[in-house]
Amino acid sequence: MMTENSLLNNNPIQQTQAFFQQVRQTSLYLCEPLELEDYGLQAMADTSPPKWHLAHTTWFFETFILKPFLPSYVQFHPQFEYLFNSYYNGVGNYFPRPQRGLLSRPSLNHVLDYRHYVEQHMNRLIDQADAKFWSKLQALIVLGLHHEQQHQELLLTDVKYSWSMNPLFPCYVKISPTNNDAPPAMTWTQHSAGLFDIGADESSFHYDNETPRHQSYLGGFGLASRLVTNSEYLEFMHDGGYENSALWLSDAWQWLRQNSIRSPLYWRENEGQWMNYTLSGMQPLQMNEPVCHVSYYEADAFARWMGLRLPSEQEWEVLARQQKIEGNFQESKRYHPCAAQHSQLFGDCWEWTQSAYSAYPGYRPAAGAIGEYNGKFMCNQMVLRGGSCVTPQSHIRASYRNFFYPKDRWQFSGIRLARDL
């Protein structure tokens, strides 16, 4: 794991410390709209309560950095290693994920004390860092901070899902809807067949699943100039898309029927008008905004209905390397996809690809428990690219590989179309 270019300057220790403070403060900032009762919410097994996210990201620094690198360190609480371990078998047993919502204790104040305690010791460790160990220590700290940025995104997606179960449809932040102008016509960016470099530039921070960089042969392809809109997705629905088994993969059709799926996750029809639950509460569906919170199954069926397909992750990366990393990210404080103003390759919605999440040629996970971070999930999941409106902008890059199961919809996931040339 390498460090960010922004950290490689004349005073990398101060830069690391500043990055640490910024990320840790952002997690607390994102919790400011929450009430005390919200911190324990867990509406399904795949989500986690906000309080757990705050504690788990702290556990990461305590477990992987303070305990091995600070000899005088005393654990804040001996049971926290069990309560706030997510899935690292190499560390030990962990509290069952579906039952995290049962943890009324430790209290929120106790968790905040835990964060403060660990931060004090992290600052002490950074201040007295031995030059001999600094490179390895810095890499772990930056990894921990990107891990926390992932959980900032999850905190917002999990809160949204839990609140969607509440008939009051709580509001996290008030925003004005995006303009109602028709989106720009969908055009195509075309690439001729050839060999392309795929994977992370190893001079800057990346996860191990983005490596090793390698060449991949791609046939000629075209990628759509923007994401699919709510209006376009409604056409699919009105044309009987959810009733046409010919459009759906076998597993998808079973999932559809078993769960009575008829629309994207947060859509509700009320007296003939479609409404959409957002982090600004229940709102009329904005037709020009990107369709969001669809599963891979739905994205694939829509593409088939259009006579097109989803892009491969390699095709997506080839196009993304030519674009600046700009768009509607967490920093915009909208926490909702916007109507197309640009290509939307970055931000707004994570984009499903047709690529199964698997290892690149020559991939080797890191040694020890840290190696469990990505590698052991390379089975039965699909890759998404580009980040969303709740992803921190500094967290994303062209080679970033997100992954979810094909049925998952609570992430801010949307659709970009592709075609063969």
Protein backbone atom coordinates (compact mmCIF):
# COMPACT_ATOMS: atom_id res chain seq x y z
CA MET A 1 0.00 0.00 0.00
CA MET A 2 1.60 3.27 -1.11
CA THR A 3 0.86 6.75 0.13
CA GLU A 4 -0.89 9.64 -1.60
CA ASN A 5 1.17 12.08 -3.66
CA SER A 6 -0.09 14.83 -1.37
CA LEU A 7 1.74 13.16 1.50
CA LEU A 8 5.07 12.95 -0.27
CA ASN A 9 6.51 16.38 0.44
CA ASN A 10 9.07 18.00 2.72
CA ASN A 11 7.10 17.24 5.86
CA PRO A 12 5.19 13.98 5.38
CA ILE A 13 4.61 13.54 9.12
CA GLN A 14 2.68 16.80 9.40
CA GLN A 15 0.78 16.02 6.22
CA THR A 16 -0.20 12.60 7.56
CA GLN A 17 -1.31 14.15 10.83
CA ALA A 18 -3.41 16.75 9.00
CA PHE A 19 -5.05 14.06 6.86
CA PHE A 20 -5.75 12.05 10.01
CA GLN A 21 -7.46 14.99 11.72
CA GLN A 22 -9.49 15.89 8.63
CA VAL A 23 -10.87 12.39 8.09
CA ARG A 24 -11.64 11.81 11.75
CA GLN A 25 -13.47 15.13 12.04
CA THR A 26 -15.48 14.45 8.88
CA SER A 27 -16.94 11.28 10.42
CA LEU A 28 -18.27 13.31 13.35
CA TYR A 29 -19.49 16.07 11.04
CA LEU A 30 -21.58 13.57 9.07
CA CYS A 31 -23.24 12.50 12.33
CA GLU A 32 -24.33 16.01 13.33
CA PRO A 33 -27.85 15.72 11.80
CA LEU A 34 -28.50 12.50 13.76
CA GLU A 35 -30.48 12.22 16.96
CA LEU A 36 -29.32 9.96 19.78
CA GLU A 37 -31.93 7.34 18.81
CA ASP A 38 -30.48 7.11 15.29
CA TYR A 39 -27.06 5.87 16.38
CA GLY A 40 -28.27 2.33 17.07
CA LEU A 41 -30.39 1.78 13.94
CA GLN A 42 -29.80 -1.35 11.87
CA ALA A 43 -32.67 -2.12 9.49
CA MET A 44 -31.09 -5.16 7.84
CA ALA A 45 -28.10 -7.44 8.31
CA ASP A 46 -26.10 -5.76 5.52
CA THR A 47 -26.18 -2.37 7.24
CA SER A 48 -24.55 -1.23 10.47
CA PRO A 49 -25.57 1.36 13.07
CA PRO A 50 -23.80 4.75 12.94
CA LYS A 51 -22.36 4.12 16.40
CA TRP A 52 -20.78 0.91 15.18
CA HIS A 53 -19.16 2.69 12.20
CA LEU A 54 -17.65 5.27 14.56
CA ALA A 55 -16.26 2.53 16.79
CA HIS A 56 -15.09 0.14 14.08
CA THR A 57 -13.02 2.77 12.27
CA THR A 58 -11.39 3.53 15.63
CA TRP A 59 -10.82 -0.17 16.28
CA PHE A 60 -8.85 -0.34 13.01
CA PHE A 61 -6.27 2.18 14.24
CA GLU A 62 -6.08 0.58 17.67
CA THR A 63 -5.69 -2.98 16.34
CA PHE A 64 -3.41 -2.55 13.35
CA ILE A 65 -1.35 0.48 14.38
CA LEU A 66 -1.33 1.34 18.09
CA LYS A 67 -0.97 -2.18 19.48
CA PRO A 68 1.95 -3.21 17.24
CA PHE A 69 3.73 0.18 17.01
CA LEU A 70 3.24 1.82 20.43
CA PRO A 71 4.77 -0.47 23.08
CA SER A 72 3.24 1.40 26.03
CA TYR A 73 -0.28 1.36 24.58
CA VAL A 74 -3.07 0.04 26.81
CA GLN A 75 -6.34 -0.98 25.14
CA PHE A 76 -9.28 1.29 25.85
CA HIS A 77 -11.55 -1.67 26.62
CA PRO A 78 -10.64 -5.38 26.28
CA GLN A 79 -14.03 -6.37 24.83
CA PHE A 80 -13.95 -3.74 22.07
CA GLU A 81 -11.62 -5.93 20.01
CA TYR A 82 -14.48 -8.47 19.82
CA LEU A 83 -17.38 -6.02 19.50
CA PHE A 84 -15.95 -3.88 16.71
CA ASN A 85 -13.98 -6.34 14.62
CA SER A 86 -15.87 -6.60 11.32
CA TYR A 87 -14.61 -9.78 9.62
CA TYR A 88 -10.88 -10.16 10.33
CA ASN A 89 -10.53 -13.80 11.33
CA GLY A 90 -6.80 -13.33 11.78
CA VAL A 91 -7.50 -10.96 14.68
CA GLY A 92 -9.97 -13.23 16.45
CA ASN A 93 -13.71 -13.79 16.86
CA TYR A 94 -16.17 -10.99 16.19
CA PHE A 95 -19.68 -10.06 17.24
CA PRO A 96 -22.29 -11.25 14.68
CA ARG A 97 -22.94 -8.63 12.03
CA PRO A 98 -26.76 -9.00 11.94
CA GLN A 99 -26.90 -8.26 15.69
CA ARG A 100 -24.96 -4.99 15.79
CA GLY A 101 -28.20 -3.11 16.33
CA LEU A 102 -28.56 -4.88 19.69
CA LEU A 103 -25.50 -3.11 21.11
CA SER A 104 -27.19 -0.39 23.16
CA ARG A 105 -23.98 -0.45 25.17
CA PRO A 106 -21.37 0.91 24.93
CA SER A 107 -23.21 4.21 24.89
CA LEU A 108 -22.55 6.84 22.23
CA ASN A 109 -20.58 8.88 24.77
CA HIS A 110 -18.45 5.84 25.56
CA VAL A 111 -17.74 5.34 21.84
CA LEU A 112 -16.83 9.02 21.47
CA ASP A 113 -14.47 8.66 24.44
CA TYR A 114 -12.95 5.66 22.65
CA ARG A 115 -12.38 7.75 19.52
CA HIS A 116 -10.76 10.52 21.54
CA TYR A 117 -8.53 8.10 23.44
CA VAL A 118 -7.28 6.43 20.26
CA GLU A 119 -6.76 9.77 18.50
CA GLN A 120 -4.63 11.04 21.39
CA HIS A 121 -2.42 7.98 21.17
CA MET A 122 -2.28 8.12 17.37
CA ASN A 123 -1.07 11.74 17.53
CA ARG A 124 1.52 10.72 20.10
CA LEU A 125 2.67 7.85 17.90
CA ILE A 126 2.98 10.08 14.83
CA ASP A 127 4.86 12.76 16.79
CA GLN A 128 7.46 10.29 18.05
CA ALA A 129 7.57 8.08 14.96
CA ASP A 130 10.89 6.34 14.43
CA ALA A 131 12.27 7.08 10.96
CA LYS A 132 13.15 3.41 10.59
CA PHE A 133 9.47 2.41 10.78
CA TRP A 134 7.91 5.54 9.28
CA SER A 135 7.33 4.20 5.76
CA LYS A 136 5.40 1.15 6.98
CA LEU A 137 3.60 3.17 9.67
CA GLN A 138 2.55 5.89 7.25
CA ALA A 139 1.21 3.34 4.76
CA LEU A 140 -0.95 1.74 7.48
CA ILE A 141 -2.23 5.11 8.71
CA VAL A 142 -3.24 6.16 5.20
CA LEU A 143 -4.88 2.77 4.65
CA GLY A 144 -6.82 3.28 7.89
CA LEU A 145 -7.95 6.72 6.76
CA HIS A 146 -9.19 5.45 3.41
CA HIS A 147 -10.92 2.65 5.31
CA GLU A 148 -12.66 5.30 7.41
CA GLN A 149 -13.69 7.19 4.27
CA GLN A 150 -15.33 3.99 3.06
CA HIS A 151 -17.26 3.84 6.31
CA GLN A 152 -18.30 7.48 6.02
CA GLU A 153 -20.01 6.50 2.78
CA LEU A 154 -21.51 3.39 4.37
CA LEU A 155 -22.76 5.41 7.34
CA LEU A 156 -24.85 7.59 5.00
CA THR A 157 -26.13 4.70 2.88
CA ASP A 158 -27.02 2.70 5.99
CA VAL A 159 -28.82 5.61 7.65
CA LYS A 160 -30.80 6.19 4.46
CA TYR A 161 -31.90 2.57 4.33
CA SER A 162 -32.88 2.49 8.00
CA TRP A 163 -34.78 5.77 7.76
CA SER A 164 -36.62 4.57 4.65
CA MET A 165 -38.41 2.07 6.92
CA ASN A 166 -39.84 4.92 8.98
CA PRO A 167 -43.25 6.22 7.77
CA LEU A 168 -42.10 9.72 8.79
CA PHE A 169 -39.35 9.50 6.13
CA PRO A 170 -36.82 11.58 8.09
CA CYS A 171 -34.79 14.34 6.46
CA TYR A 172 -31.01 14.34 6.86
CA VAL A 173 -30.34 17.57 4.94
CA LYS A 174 -32.58 19.95 3.00
CA ILE A 175 -31.55 20.52 -0.62
CA SER A 176 -33.28 22.06 -3.60
CA PRO A 177 -34.04 19.74 -6.53
CA THR A 178 -31.80 19.91 -9.57
CA ASN A 179 -33.05 21.68 -12.68
CA ASN A 180 -35.84 20.10 -14.69
CA ASP A 181 -34.26 20.69 -18.10
CA ALA A 182 -34.09 17.68 -20.36
CA PRO A 183 -30.77 15.87 -20.05
CA PRO A 184 -28.29 16.14 -22.91
CA ALA A 185 -28.80 13.55 -25.62
CA MET A 186 -26.95 10.31 -24.98
CA THR A 187 -23.92 10.12 -27.25
CA TRP A 188 -21.08 7.61 -27.43
CA THR A 189 -17.37 7.79 -26.71
CA GLN A 190 -15.75 5.18 -28.93
CA HIS A 191 -12.49 3.28 -28.59
CA SER A 192 -10.82 1.07 -31.15
CA ALA A 193 -9.69 -2.41 -30.22
CA GLY A 194 -6.29 -2.76 -28.60
CA LEU A 195 -4.17 -3.47 -25.56
CA PHE A 196 -4.73 -1.18 -22.59
CA ASP A 197 -2.95 -0.77 -19.25
CA ILE A 198 -5.32 -1.63 -16.40
CA GLY A 199 -4.75 -1.19 -12.68
CA ALA A 200 -3.32 1.26 -10.19
CA ASP A 201 -0.42 3.61 -10.63
CA GLU A 202 1.67 2.28 -7.78
CA SER A 203 3.23 5.69 -7.01
CA SER A 204 0.04 6.78 -5.22
CA PHE A 205 -2.33 5.21 -2.70
CA HIS A 206 -4.37 2.25 -3.87
CA TYR A 207 -5.86 -0.94 -2.48
CA ASP A 208 -4.21 -4.25 -3.21
CA ASN A 209 -7.14 -5.38 -5.38
CA GLU A 210 -6.20 -2.68 -7.93
CA THR A 211 -2.89 -4.42 -8.64
CA PRO A 212 -0.81 -5.62 -10.30
CA ARG A 213 -1.04 -3.29 -13.27
CA HIS A 214 -1.35 -5.36 -16.41
CA GLN A 215 -2.38 -5.22 -20.02
CA SER A 216 -5.83 -6.23 -21.15
CA TYR A 217 -7.02 -6.67 -24.73
CA LEU A 218 -10.37 -5.00 -25.46
CA GLY A 219 -12.44 -5.17 -28.61
CA GLY A 220 -13.78 -1.94 -30.06
CA PHE A 221 -16.38 -0.45 -27.71
CA GLY A 222 -18.49 2.61 -27.03
CA LEU A 223 -19.55 4.02 -23.66
CA ALA A 224 -22.56 6.28 -23.13
CA SER A 225 -21.85 9.95 -22.44
CA ARG A 226 -23.97 10.03 -19.27
CA LEU A 227 -25.90 7.88 -16.81
CA VAL A 228 -29.39 6.54 -17.46
CA THR A 229 -32.08 8.87 -16.09
CA ASN A 230 -35.22 8.22 -14.04
CA SER A 231 -37.32 9.12 -17.07
CA GLU A 232 -35.57 6.55 -19.25
CA TYR A 233 -35.90 3.91 -16.56
CA LEU A 234 -39.64 4.67 -16.25
CA GLU A 235 -39.99 3.87 -19.96
CA PHE A 236 -38.53 0.44 -19.22
CA MET A 237 -41.05 -0.03 -16.40
CA HIS A 238 -44.00 1.18 -18.49
CA ASP A 239 -42.98 -1.23 -21.24
CA GLY A 240 -43.35 -4.13 -18.84
CA GLY A 241 -39.65 -4.51 -18.11
CA TYR A 242 -40.25 -6.06 -14.72
CA GLU A 243 -42.70 -8.58 -16.19
CA ASN A 244 -40.62 -9.73 -19.17
CA SER A 245 -38.62 -12.79 -18.13
CA ALA A 246 -36.63 -12.70 -21.39
CA LEU A 247 -34.77 -9.63 -20.10
CA TRP A 248 -33.62 -11.17 -16.84
CA LEU A 249 -30.88 -13.58 -15.85
CA SER A 250 -32.18 -16.76 -14.23
CA ASP A 251 -31.02 -15.78 -10.71
CA ALA A 252 -32.35 -12.27 -11.31
CA TRP A 253 -35.81 -13.51 -12.27
CA GLN A 254 -36.03 -15.64 -9.12
CA TRP A 255 -34.90 -12.68 -6.98
CA LEU A 256 -37.45 -10.44 -8.70
CA ARG A 257 -40.38 -12.78 -8.11
CA GLN A 258 -39.43 -13.81 -4.59
CA ASN A 259 -39.10 -10.19 -3.45
CA SER A 260 -41.91 -8.66 -5.55
CA ILE A 261 -39.54 -6.07 -7.03
CA ARG A 262 -41.29 -3.61 -9.34
CA SER A 263 -39.17 -0.44 -9.17
CA PRO A 264 -35.86 0.94 -7.84
CA LEU A 265 -35.38 0.66 -4.11
CA TYR A 266 -36.69 3.98 -2.80
CA TRP A 267 -39.44 4.67 -5.33
CA ARG A 268 -43.05 4.83 -4.12
CA GLU A 269 -46.12 5.37 -6.29
CA ASN A 270 -48.71 7.66 -4.70
CA GLU A 271 -51.98 8.34 -6.53
CA GLY A 272 -50.31 7.98 -9.92
CA GLN A 273 -47.23 10.05 -9.04
CA TRP A 274 -43.86 8.50 -8.40
CA MET A 275 -42.08 9.64 -5.25
CA ASN A 276 -38.47 8.97 -4.28
CA TYR A 277 -37.11 8.73 -0.75
CA THR A 278 -33.90 10.75 -0.46
CA LEU A 279 -31.76 12.02 2.40
CA SER A 280 -33.87 15.18 2.02
CA GLY A 281 -37.00 13.18 2.80
CA MET A 282 -39.67 11.92 0.42
CA GLN A 283 -39.58 13.96 -2.82
CA PRO A 284 -41.34 13.87 -6.20
CA LEU A 285 -39.28 11.79 -8.60
CA GLN A 286 -37.04 14.11 -10.66
CA MET A 287 -37.12 12.77 -14.18
CA ASN A 288 -33.78 14.15 -15.34
CA GLU A 289 -31.75 12.79 -12.41
CA PRO A 290 -29.81 9.52 -12.76
CA VAL A 291 -31.73 6.41 -11.78
CA CYS A 292 -30.20 5.22 -8.52
CA HIS A 293 -30.39 2.35 -6.02
CA VAL A 294 -30.80 -0.34 -8.66
CA SER A 295 -29.28 -3.80 -8.41
CA TYR A 296 -26.93 -5.34 -10.94
CA TYR A 297 -29.87 -7.50 -11.98
CA GLU A 298 -31.96 -4.41 -12.78
CA ALA A 299 -29.09 -2.63 -14.53
CA ASP A 300 -28.43 -5.68 -16.70
CA ALA A 301 -32.13 -6.13 -17.57
CA PHE A 302 -32.43 -2.45 -18.54
CA ALA A 303 -29.38 -2.71 -20.79
CA ARG A 304 -30.86 -5.79 -22.50
CA TRP A 305 -34.15 -3.93 -23.00
CA MET A 306 -32.18 -1.16 -24.73
CA GLY A 307 -30.41 -3.71 -26.94
CA LEU A 308 -27.15 -2.73 -25.28
CA ARG A 309 -25.02 -3.96 -22.37
CA LEU A 310 -23.16 -2.81 -19.29
CA PRO A 311 -19.48 -1.86 -19.67
CA SER A 312 -16.68 -4.09 -18.49
CA GLU A 313 -14.64 -2.58 -15.69
CA GLN A 314 -11.65 -2.41 -18.06
CA GLU A 315 -13.63 -0.41 -20.62
CA TRP A 316 -14.80 1.94 -17.88
CA GLU A 317 -11.24 2.46 -16.61
CA VAL A 318 -9.87 3.21 -20.08
CA LEU A 319 -12.37 6.05 -20.43
CA ALA A 320 -11.99 7.26 -16.84
CA ARG A 321 -8.22 7.65 -17.15
CA GLN A 322 -8.87 10.39 -19.71
CA GLN A 323 -11.13 12.37 -17.34
CA LYS A 324 -10.53 14.66 -14.39
CA ILE A 325 -11.80 13.37 -11.06
CA GLU A 326 -14.59 15.88 -10.59
CA GLY A 327 -18.29 15.62 -10.03
CA ASN A 328 -20.99 15.43 -7.36
CA PHE A 329 -19.25 13.90 -4.34
CA GLN A 330 -19.79 13.92 -0.57
CA GLU A 331 -18.17 17.35 -0.40
CA SER A 332 -21.10 18.90 -2.32
CA LYS A 333 -23.26 18.14 0.77
CA ARG A 334 -26.22 17.20 -1.42
CA TYR A 335 -25.95 13.45 -0.78
CA HIS A 336 -28.12 12.83 -3.83
CA PRO A 337 -27.39 12.34 -7.56
CA CYS A 338 -27.67 15.43 -9.78
CA ALA A 339 -28.92 15.80 -13.31
CA ALA A 340 -26.18 15.44 -15.92
CA GLN A 341 -23.91 18.45 -16.28
CA HIS A 342 -20.96 16.39 -17.55
CA SER A 343 -20.05 12.75 -18.20
CA GLN A 344 -20.80 11.73 -14.57
CA LEU A 345 -17.99 9.17 -14.72
CA PHE A 346 -17.04 10.21 -11.21
CA GLY A 347 -19.55 10.91 -8.45
CA ASP A 348 -23.36 10.85 -8.52
CA CYS A 349 -23.79 7.04 -8.75
CA TRP A 350 -21.57 4.00 -8.53
CA GLU A 351 -21.77 2.37 -11.96
CA TRP A 352 -22.42 -1.34 -12.31
CA THR A 353 -20.12 -3.16 -14.70
CA GLN A 354 -20.54 -6.59 -16.26
CA SER A 355 -17.28 -7.69 -14.60
CA ALA A 356 -17.19 -10.24 -11.82
CA TYR A 357 -15.03 -9.20 -8.88
CA SER A 358 -11.93 -11.37 -9.18
CA ALA A 359 -8.16 -11.12 -8.90
CA TYR A 360 -6.01 -9.43 -11.50
CA PRO A 361 -3.31 -11.66 -13.06
CA GLY A 362 -0.51 -12.13 -10.52
CA TYR A 363 -2.49 -10.72 -7.58
CA ARG A 364 -1.24 -11.58 -4.10
CA PRO A 365 -3.05 -10.35 -0.97
CA ALA A 366 -0.99 -8.68 1.74
CA ALA A 367 0.36 -10.91 4.50
CA GLY A 368 -1.47 -11.22 7.81
CA ALA A 369 -4.94 -10.01 8.80
CA ILE A 370 -4.63 -6.90 6.60
CA GLY A 371 -4.68 -9.27 3.65
CA GLU A 372 -8.32 -10.08 4.49
CA TYR A 373 -9.32 -6.53 3.53
CA ASN A 374 -10.21 -7.30 -0.09
CA GLY A 375 -8.95 -10.63 -1.35
CA LYS A 376 -11.28 -12.99 0.49
CA PHE A 377 -14.36 -11.33 -1.05
CA MET A 378 -13.41 -12.22 -4.63
CA CYS A 379 -16.38 -14.53 -5.17
CA ASN A 380 -19.97 -14.01 -6.39
CA GLN A 381 -19.79 -10.20 -6.47
CA MET A 382 -19.80 -7.65 -9.28
CA VAL A 383 -17.55 -4.62 -9.75
CA LEU A 384 -18.81 -1.04 -9.60
CA ARG A 385 -16.77 1.99 -10.62
CA GLY A 386 -16.64 5.76 -10.21
CA GLY A 387 -17.88 6.67 -6.73
CA SER A 388 -21.15 8.36 -5.78
CA CYS A 389 -22.65 11.48 -4.25
CA VAL A 390 -21.69 10.17 -0.79
CA THR A 391 -18.11 9.15 -1.68
CA PRO A 392 -15.33 11.52 -0.52
CA GLN A 393 -13.67 12.94 -3.63
CA SER A 394 -10.17 12.34 -2.26
CA HIS A 395 -11.03 8.65 -1.89
CA ILE A 396 -11.74 7.86 -5.55
CA ARG A 397 -9.51 7.21 -8.56
CA ALA A 398 -9.82 5.67 -12.03
CA SER A 399 -8.52 2.27 -10.86
CA TYR A 400 -10.79 2.03 -7.77
CA ARG A 401 -12.78 -1.23 -7.66
CA ASN A 402 -15.91 -1.35 -5.51
CA PHE A 403 -17.84 -4.63 -5.27
CA PHE A 404 -21.29 -5.76 -4.18
CA TYR A 405 -23.56 -8.74 -4.64
CA PRO A 406 -25.80 -8.52 -7.72
CA LYS A 407 -28.96 -8.16 -5.63
CA ASP A 408 -27.66 -5.22 -3.55
CA ARG A 409 -29.49 -1.92 -3.98
CA TRP A 410 -28.94 0.19 -0.87
CA GLN A 411 -25.72 1.65 -2.28
CA PHE A 412 -26.03 4.67 -4.59
CA SER A 413 -25.73 2.50 -7.70
CA GLY A 414 -26.72 3.51 -11.23
CA ILE A 415 -26.39 2.55 -14.89
CA ARG A 416 -24.05 3.50 -17.72
CA LEU A 417 -24.62 1.75 -21.02
CA ALA A 418 -22.05 0.28 -23.38
CA ARG A 419 -22.03 -1.27 -26.83
CA ASP A 420 -19.71 -3.16 -29.15
CA LEU A 421 -18.34 -1.45 -32.23
